[in-house]
Amino acid sequence: MAGMIRKLLISGVASKVVQEARKPHNQAKIKKAFADFQAKRSGGKGGTGRH
């Protein structure tokens, strides 16, 4: 029973995330965050790398 409630909750949260991700202003935020993350991982602009 608890597993079913958990799945319903996760599915509700996932659908809300998808709805928000479809909005144009949120798409720009997502793209910027993704680009920043990739730059950080590849040792790109800025960041505090350990030497």
N, C-alpha and C. Protein backbone atom coordinates (compact mmCIF):
# COMPACT_ATOMS: atom_id res chain seq x y z
N MET A 1 0.83 -1.20 0.00
CA MET A 1 0.00 0.00 0.00
C MET A 1 0.87 1.26 0.00
N ALA A 2 1.90 1.27 0.86
CA ALA A 2 2.78 2.44 0.92
C ALA A 2 3.54 2.63 -0.38
N GLY A 3 3.89 1.53 -1.03
CA GLY A 3 4.60 1.61 -2.30
C GLY A 3 3.75 2.26 -3.39
N MET A 4 2.46 1.97 -3.37
CA MET A 4 1.56 2.55 -4.35
C MET A 4 1.42 4.05 -4.13
N ILE A 5 1.29 4.46 -2.89
CA ILE A 5 1.19 5.89 -2.56
C ILE A 5 2.47 6.61 -2.96
N ARG A 6 3.59 5.98 -2.71
CA ARG A 6 4.89 6.57 -3.07
C ARG A 6 5.00 6.77 -4.59
N LYS A 7 4.58 5.77 -5.35
CA LYS A 7 4.62 5.87 -6.82
C LYS A 7 3.71 6.98 -7.32
N LEU A 8 2.53 7.12 -6.71
CA LEU A 8 1.60 8.19 -7.10
C LEU A 8 2.22 9.56 -6.80
N LEU A 9 2.85 9.69 -5.67
CA LEU A 9 3.49 10.94 -5.29
C LEU A 9 4.62 11.28 -6.25
N ILE A 10 5.47 10.31 -6.56
CA ILE A 10 6.59 10.53 -7.47
C ILE A 10 6.07 10.90 -8.86
N SER A 11 5.01 10.24 -9.31
CA SER A 11 4.47 10.54 -10.63
C SER A 11 3.88 11.94 -10.66
N GLY A 12 3.25 12.37 -9.59
CA GLY A 12 2.71 13.74 -9.52
C GLY A 12 3.81 14.77 -9.56
N VAL A 13 4.90 14.54 -8.84
CA VAL A 13 6.03 15.45 -8.83
C VAL A 13 6.67 15.50 -10.21
N ALA A 14 6.84 14.35 -10.83
CA ALA A 14 7.45 14.28 -12.16
C ALA A 14 6.61 15.05 -13.18
N SER A 15 5.30 14.91 -13.13
CA SER A 15 4.46 15.63 -14.09
C SER A 15 4.56 17.14 -13.88
N LYS A 16 4.67 17.58 -12.64
CA LYS A 16 4.82 19.02 -12.36
C LYS A 16 6.15 19.52 -12.90
N VAL A 17 7.20 18.74 -12.74
CA VAL A 17 8.53 19.12 -13.26
C VAL A 17 8.47 19.26 -14.78
N VAL A 18 7.82 18.32 -15.44
CA VAL A 18 7.71 18.38 -16.91
C VAL A 18 6.92 19.61 -17.33
N GLN A 19 5.83 19.92 -16.64
CA GLN A 19 5.03 21.11 -16.97
C GLN A 19 5.86 22.38 -16.84
N GLU A 20 6.62 22.48 -15.76
CA GLU A 20 7.45 23.67 -15.54
C GLU A 20 8.58 23.76 -16.56
N ALA A 21 9.14 22.62 -16.95
CA ALA A 21 10.25 22.61 -17.90
C ALA A 21 9.81 23.04 -19.29
N ARG A 22 8.55 22.94 -19.59
CA ARG A 22 8.04 23.33 -20.92
C ARG A 22 7.91 24.84 -21.06
N LYS A 23 7.92 25.58 -19.97
CA LYS A 23 7.76 27.03 -20.04
C LYS A 23 9.07 27.66 -20.55
N PRO A 24 8.96 28.60 -21.50
CA PRO A 24 10.16 29.18 -22.13
C PRO A 24 11.15 29.82 -21.16
N HIS A 25 10.65 30.55 -20.16
CA HIS A 25 11.60 31.19 -19.23
C HIS A 25 12.32 30.16 -18.38
N ASN A 26 11.68 29.04 -18.10
CA ASN A 26 12.35 27.98 -17.36
C ASN A 26 13.34 27.23 -18.24
N GLN A 27 13.05 27.12 -19.54
CA GLN A 27 13.98 26.46 -20.45
C GLN A 27 15.31 27.21 -20.50
N ALA A 28 15.23 28.54 -20.49
CA ALA A 28 16.46 29.34 -20.51
C ALA A 28 17.26 29.10 -19.24
N LYS A 29 16.58 29.03 -18.10
CA LYS A 29 17.28 28.77 -16.82
C LYS A 29 17.93 27.39 -16.83
N ILE A 30 17.22 26.40 -17.36
CA ILE A 30 17.74 25.03 -17.40
C ILE A 30 18.98 24.97 -18.29
N LYS A 31 18.91 25.62 -19.47
CA LYS A 31 20.05 25.61 -20.39
C LYS A 31 21.26 26.27 -19.77
N LYS A 32 21.05 27.39 -19.06
CA LYS A 32 22.17 28.09 -18.41
C LYS A 32 22.77 27.23 -17.31
N ALA A 33 21.93 26.62 -16.50
CA ALA A 33 22.42 25.77 -15.41
C ALA A 33 23.20 24.58 -15.97
N PHE A 34 22.71 24.00 -17.06
CA PHE A 34 23.37 22.85 -17.67
C PHE A 34 24.73 23.26 -18.24
N ALA A 35 24.77 24.43 -18.90
CA ALA A 35 26.04 24.92 -19.46
C ALA A 35 27.04 25.21 -18.34
N ASP A 36 26.57 25.81 -17.26
CA ASP A 36 27.45 26.09 -16.11
C ASP A 36 27.98 24.79 -15.52
N PHE A 37 27.12 23.78 -15.42
CA PHE A 37 27.52 22.50 -14.87
C PHE A 37 28.59 21.84 -15.74
N GLN A 38 28.37 21.88 -17.07
CA GLN A 38 29.34 21.28 -17.98
C GLN A 38 30.68 22.02 -17.90
N ALA A 39 30.63 23.34 -17.83
CA ALA A 39 31.87 24.12 -17.75
C ALA A 39 32.61 23.81 -16.45
N LYS A 40 31.86 23.64 -15.39
CA LYS A 40 32.46 23.33 -14.08
C LYS A 40 33.13 21.96 -14.12
N ARG A 41 32.46 21.00 -14.74
CA ARG A 41 33.01 19.64 -14.81
C ARG A 41 34.25 19.56 -15.69
N SER A 42 34.26 20.33 -16.76
CA SER A 42 35.39 20.26 -17.69
C SER A 42 36.51 21.20 -17.29
N GLY A 43 36.35 21.88 -16.17
CA GLY A 43 37.38 22.79 -15.72
C GLY A 43 37.41 24.07 -16.55
N GLY A 44 36.26 24.45 -17.06
CA GLY A 44 36.14 25.62 -17.91
C GLY A 44 36.24 26.91 -17.12
N LYS A 45 35.46 27.88 -17.51
CA LYS A 45 35.53 29.21 -16.93
C LYS A 45 35.31 29.21 -15.41
N GLY A 46 36.15 29.96 -14.72
CA GLY A 46 35.99 30.14 -13.27
C GLY A 46 36.17 28.85 -12.49
N GLY A 47 35.50 28.79 -11.36
CA GLY A 47 35.56 27.59 -10.54
C GLY A 47 36.77 27.60 -9.62
N THR A 48 36.76 26.69 -8.69
CA THR A 48 37.89 26.54 -7.77
C THR A 48 38.46 25.15 -7.92
N GLY A 49 39.39 25.01 -8.82
CA GLY A 49 40.00 23.70 -9.05
C GLY A 49 41.06 23.39 -7.99
N ARG A 50 41.19 22.12 -7.68
CA ARG A 50 42.22 21.71 -6.71
C ARG A 50 43.48 21.32 -7.47
N HIS A 51 44.60 21.87 -7.05
CA HIS A 51 45.88 21.56 -7.73
C HIS A 51 46.79 20.81 -6.82
